[in-house]
């Protein structure tokens, strides 16, 4: 038979593990979003540079 303490310990460990996974996943999503944002910014700057170059050619 499982005691109340063992059940509580297991519940705590399961909850802590799920929160850790959720935190790692949220960090991954945040870094992907930041990378895409910087990528779009680079593309926009490159497009602006090519526009200004084509004006002077």
Protein backbone atom coordinates (compact mmCIF):
# COMPACT_ATOMS: atom_id res chain seq x y z
CA UNK A 1 0.00 0.00 0.00
CA UNK A 2 1.22 3.47 -0.81
CA UNK A 3 1.35 5.93 2.06
CA UNK A 4 0.07 9.47 1.81
CA UNK A 5 3.61 10.85 2.02
CA UNK A 6 4.81 8.68 -0.87
CA UNK A 7 1.84 9.74 -2.96
CA UNK A 8 2.47 13.40 -2.14
CA UNK A 9 6.18 13.03 -2.97
CA UNK A 10 5.35 11.43 -6.31
CA UNK A 11 2.81 14.15 -7.09
CA UNK A 12 5.33 16.84 -6.23
CA UNK A 13 8.02 15.26 -8.41
CA UNK A 14 5.60 14.83 -11.32
CA UNK A 15 4.43 18.42 -11.02
CA UNK A 16 7.99 19.75 -10.75
CA UNK A 17 9.07 17.73 -13.77
CA UNK A 18 6.18 18.98 -15.88
CA UNK A 19 6.91 22.58 -14.87
CA UNK A 20 10.57 22.09 -15.81
CA UNK A 21 9.61 20.74 -19.24
CA UNK A 22 7.16 23.60 -19.72
CA UNK A 23 9.88 26.13 -18.84
CA UNK A 24 12.33 24.55 -21.29
CA UNK A 25 9.69 24.52 -24.04
CA UNK A 26 8.79 28.16 -23.37
CA UNK A 27 12.47 29.09 -23.61
CA UNK A 28 12.70 27.27 -26.92
CA UNK A 29 9.64 29.09 -28.29
CA UNK A 30 11.01 32.44 -27.13
CA UNK A 31 14.39 31.85 -28.76
CA UNK A 32 12.78 30.73 -32.04
CA UNK A 33 10.61 33.85 -32.07
CA UNK A 34 13.61 36.10 -31.36
CA UNK A 35 15.63 34.40 -34.12
CA UNK A 36 12.82 34.88 -36.66
CA UNK A 37 12.43 38.51 -35.61
CA UNK A 38 16.14 39.17 -36.13
CA UNK A 39 16.06 37.30 -39.45
CA UNK A 40 13.19 39.47 -40.73
CA UNK A 41 15.02 42.59 -39.57
CA UNK A 42 18.14 41.51 -41.48
CA UNK A 43 16.08 40.84 -44.61
CA UNK A 44 14.38 44.22 -44.32
CA UNK A 45 17.72 46.02 -43.93
CA UNK A 46 19.15 44.15 -46.91
CA UNK A 47 16.13 45.14 -49.01
CA UNK A 48 16.54 48.79 -47.98
CA UNK A 49 20.24 48.69 -48.86
CA UNK A 50 19.54 47.23 -52.28
CA UNK A 51 16.89 49.91 -52.87
CA UNK A 52 19.29 52.73 -52.04
CA UNK A 53 22.02 51.16 -54.18
CA UNK A 54 19.70 50.84 -57.16
CA UNK A 55 18.82 54.54 -56.91
CA UNK A 56 22.45 55.58 -57.27
CA UNK A 57 23.33 53.20 -60.12
